[in-house]
Every structure is written in C-alpha cells, then in structure tokens.
Amino acid sequence: MENFDELTMAVLADEMREREPKLFAVYGVYRTRLDEYDDGSFLAYGMEFAEPPLAISWEDGLTRRSDSVAAMLSRMNRRAEVRLVWLHEPDRPDQGDYDLTGG
C-alpha cells in the first residue's frame, strides 16, 4: 500500500465536508387532480450541491434537475402547494425563506 501524504488527505477531508450535498424532502398536493380517486399528493427527496450549483430531486421514478432548490420550488409552486424540509440540518432555511412568487 502506498504511503499517502497526510496533509493532502486532511485537506481533501475538509473539502469533502465543505462540499457535501444537502439533503431535502419536498411534499405537497397538485392543484389539478387526474381523477376523483387521485388525491394529488406527492413526496420527493433530493440533494442540493453548492459547486457547481445543482439541485436534484426524485419522486417515484421521476427525476428533476434545477440550478437550485429555490428555483425548483418556484417551478413546482406553479402547479402545486409545496413544502420543503431540510433533512439532518435543523438550521437550514425552509420554504418560508424563499420567495416563491418569482418577484
């Protein structure tokens, strides 16, 4: 086994912690229902990356991609009543901290 430079490994470990993706869940109800049996509800899980900025969510086989969680929420809010929960980080902003009106 090679002898790794411990300083390089420590720097990489710090960078890994700084750049780790942030986990979130998005849930809500679509404003238009498919039929009388459809309750319109949905639940998606996702990750937000800082560099380069990217947000990805997954819901029952549907994957969404956006430049940020705020942009994703803004688009989703046009068709649904949406809520955001940051997972594992209680100090992260929630939906109330984003301007969902696009203005």
C-alpha atoms as a PDB file:
ATOM      1  CA  MET A   1       0.000   0.000   0.000  1.00  0.00           C
ATOM      2  CA  GLU A   2       1.266   3.449  -0.907  1.00  0.00           C
ATOM      3  CA  ASN A   3       2.197   5.995   1.747  1.00  0.00           C
ATOM      4  CA  PHE A   4      -0.278   8.873   1.366  1.00  0.00           C
ATOM      5  CA  ASP A   5       0.567  12.457   2.192  1.00  0.00           C
ATOM      6  CA  GLU A   6      -1.427  13.031   5.400  1.00  0.00           C
ATOM      7  CA  LEU A   7      -1.659  16.805   4.818  1.00  0.00           C
ATOM      8  CA  THR A   8      -3.206  16.234   1.374  1.00  0.00           C
ATOM      9  CA  MET A   9      -5.638  13.727   2.864  1.00  0.00           C
ATOM     10  CA  ALA A  10      -6.622  16.188   5.616  1.00  0.00           C
ATOM     11  CA  VAL A  11      -7.217  18.975   3.072  1.00  0.00           C
ATOM     12  CA  LEU A  12      -9.345  16.634   0.972  1.00  0.00           C
ATOM     13  CA  ALA A  13     -11.341  15.591   4.044  1.00  0.00           C
ATOM     14  CA  ASP A  14     -12.052  19.264   4.858  1.00  0.00           C
ATOM     15  CA  GLU A  15     -13.080  19.961   1.255  1.00  0.00           C
ATOM     16  CA  MET A  16     -15.353  16.918   1.277  1.00  0.00           C
ATOM     17  CA  ARG A  17     -17.177  18.240   4.351  1.00  0.00           C
ATOM     18  CA  GLU A  18     -17.496  21.759   2.877  1.00  0.00           C
ATOM     19  CA  ARG A  19     -18.893  20.490  -0.426  1.00  0.00           C
ATOM     20  CA  GLU A  20     -21.165  17.709   0.827  1.00  0.00           C
ATOM     21  CA  PRO A  21     -24.646  17.738  -0.713  1.00  0.00           C
ATOM     22  CA  LYS A  22     -27.533  18.948   1.430  1.00  0.00           C
ATOM     23  CA  LEU A  23     -30.462  16.547   1.680  1.00  0.00           C
ATOM     24  CA  PHE A  24     -34.061  17.721   1.471  1.00  0.00           C
ATOM     25  CA  ALA A  25     -37.619  16.495   1.008  1.00  0.00           C
ATOM     26  CA  VAL A  26     -40.391  18.247  -0.903  1.00  0.00           C
ATOM     27  CA  TYR A  27     -44.033  17.322  -0.403  1.00  0.00           C
ATOM     28  CA  GLY A  28     -47.387  18.730  -1.318  1.00  0.00           C
ATOM     29  CA  VAL A  29     -50.582  18.481  -3.313  1.00  0.00           C
ATOM     30  CA  TYR A  30     -51.021  19.201  -7.024  1.00  0.00           C
ATOM     31  CA  ARG A  31     -53.714  21.775  -7.788  1.00  0.00           C
ATOM     32  CA  THR A  32     -55.112  19.666 -10.678  1.00  0.00           C
ATOM     33  CA  ARG A  33     -56.087  16.066  -9.986  1.00  0.00           C
ATOM     34  CA  LEU A  34     -56.047  13.264 -12.558  1.00  0.00           C
ATOM     35  CA  ASP A  35     -59.437  11.850 -11.498  1.00  0.00           C
ATOM     36  CA  GLU A  36     -61.729  11.506  -8.486  1.00  0.00           C
ATOM     37  CA  TYR A  37     -59.508   8.781  -6.994  1.00  0.00           C
ATOM     38  CA  ASP A  38     -56.289  10.798  -7.230  1.00  0.00           C
ATOM     39  CA  ASP A  39     -55.550  12.680  -4.013  1.00  0.00           C
ATOM     40  CA  GLY A  40     -52.883  14.696  -5.843  1.00  0.00           C
ATOM     41  CA  SER A  41     -50.275  14.265  -3.127  1.00  0.00           C
ATOM     42  CA  PHE A  42     -46.571  13.790  -3.771  1.00  0.00           C
ATOM     43  CA  LEU A  43     -43.339  13.298  -1.848  1.00  0.00           C
ATOM     44  CA  ALA A  44     -39.878  13.766  -3.339  1.00  0.00           C
ATOM     45  CA  TYR A  45     -36.382  13.535  -1.901  1.00  0.00           C
ATOM     46  CA  GLY A  46     -33.374  15.397  -3.180  1.00  0.00           C
ATOM     47  CA  MET A  47     -29.861  16.754  -2.863  1.00  0.00           C
ATOM     48  CA  GLU A  48     -28.512  20.251  -3.357  1.00  0.00           C
ATOM     49  CA  PHE A  49     -24.887  20.725  -4.403  1.00  0.00           C
ATOM     50  CA  ALA A  50     -23.041  24.016  -3.827  1.00  0.00           C
ATOM     51  CA  GLU A  51     -20.340  23.833  -6.523  1.00  0.00           C
ATOM     52  CA  PRO A  52     -21.367  23.815  -9.246  1.00  0.00           C
ATOM     53  CA  PRO A  53     -24.862  24.807  -8.102  1.00  0.00           C
ATOM     54  CA  LEU A  54     -27.323  21.990  -8.749  1.00  0.00           C
ATOM     55  CA  ALA A  55     -30.448  20.531  -7.163  1.00  0.00           C
ATOM     56  CA  ILE A  56     -31.775  17.076  -7.993  1.00  0.00           C
ATOM     57  CA  SER A  57     -34.995  15.537  -6.708  1.00  0.00           C
ATOM     58  CA  TRP A  58     -36.521  12.080  -7.126  1.00  0.00           C
ATOM     59  CA  GLU A  59     -40.190  11.134  -6.852  1.00  0.00           C
ATOM     60  CA  ASP A  60     -41.500   7.701  -7.828  1.00  0.00           C
ATOM     61  CA  GLY A  61     -39.133   7.345 -10.771  1.00  0.00           C
ATOM     62  CA  LEU A  62     -39.334  10.999 -11.846  1.00  0.00           C
ATOM     63  CA  THR A  63     -36.055  12.896 -11.544  1.00  0.00           C
ATOM     64  CA  ARG A  64     -35.988  16.705 -11.614  1.00  0.00           C
ATOM     65  CA  ARG A  65     -32.901  18.859 -12.057  1.00  0.00           C
ATOM     66  CA  SER A  66     -32.513  22.580 -11.371  1.00  0.00           C
ATOM     67  CA  ASP A  67     -29.888  25.227 -10.645  1.00  0.00           C
ATOM     68  CA  SER A  68     -31.073  25.486  -7.024  1.00  0.00           C
ATOM     69  CA  VAL A  69     -33.702  24.288  -4.593  1.00  0.00           C
ATOM     70  CA  ALA A  70     -35.286  27.763  -4.680  1.00  0.00           C
ATOM     71  CA  ALA A  71     -35.693  27.585  -8.481  1.00  0.00           C
ATOM     72  CA  MET A  72     -37.094  24.058  -8.230  1.00  0.00           C
ATOM     73  CA  LEU A  73     -39.628  25.157  -5.619  1.00  0.00           C
ATOM     74  CA  SER A  74     -40.637  28.160  -7.674  1.00  0.00           C
ATOM     75  CA  ARG A  75     -41.450  25.958 -10.668  1.00  0.00           C
ATOM     76  CA  MET A  76     -43.246  23.348  -8.563  1.00  0.00           C
ATOM     77  CA  ASN A  77     -45.277  26.033  -6.792  1.00  0.00           C
ATOM     78  CA  ARG A  78     -46.956  26.930 -10.108  1.00  0.00           C
ATOM     79  CA  ARG A  79     -48.692  23.526 -10.161  1.00  0.00           C
ATOM     80  CA  ALA A  80     -48.865  22.536  -6.506  1.00  0.00           C
ATOM     81  CA  GLU A  81     -48.968  23.621  -2.889  1.00  0.00           C
ATOM     82  CA  VAL A  82     -45.381  22.764  -1.891  1.00  0.00           C
ATOM     83  CA  ARG A  83     -43.458  22.383   1.371  1.00  0.00           C
ATOM     84  CA  LEU A  84     -39.705  21.927   1.841  1.00  0.00           C
ATOM     85  CA  VAL A  85     -37.897  20.201   4.700  1.00  0.00           C
ATOM     86  CA  TRP A  86     -34.114  20.208   5.014  1.00  0.00           C
ATOM     87  CA  LEU A  87     -33.060  16.807   6.353  1.00  0.00           C
ATOM     88  CA  HIS A  88     -30.374  16.425   9.026  1.00  0.00           C
ATOM     89  CA  GLU A  89     -29.778  20.190   9.290  1.00  0.00           C
ATOM     90  CA  PRO A  90     -32.296  21.973  11.509  1.00  0.00           C
ATOM     91  CA  ASP A  91     -30.612  25.365  10.987  1.00  0.00           C
ATOM     92  CA  ARG A  92     -31.068  25.356   7.191  1.00  0.00           C
ATOM     93  CA  PRO A  93     -33.733  27.649   5.723  1.00  0.00           C
ATOM     94  CA  ASP A  94     -37.166  26.278   4.988  1.00  0.00           C
ATOM     95  CA  GLN A  95     -39.713  27.181   2.323  1.00  0.00           C
ATOM     96  CA  GLY A  96     -40.700  30.358   4.186  1.00  0.00           C
ATOM     97  CA  ASP A  97     -37.223  31.766   3.480  1.00  0.00           C
ATOM     98  CA  TYR A  98     -37.669  31.539  -0.303  1.00  0.00           C
ATOM     99  CA  ASP A  99     -39.627  33.960  -2.468  1.00  0.00           C
ATOM    100  CA  LEU A 100     -41.895  31.567  -4.351  1.00  0.00           C
ATOM    101  CA  THR A 101     -43.733  34.319  -6.233  1.00  0.00           C
ATOM    102  CA  GLY A 102     -40.791  34.843  -8.593  1.00  0.00           C
ATOM    103  CA  GLY A 103     -40.559  38.539  -7.726  1.00  0.00           C
END
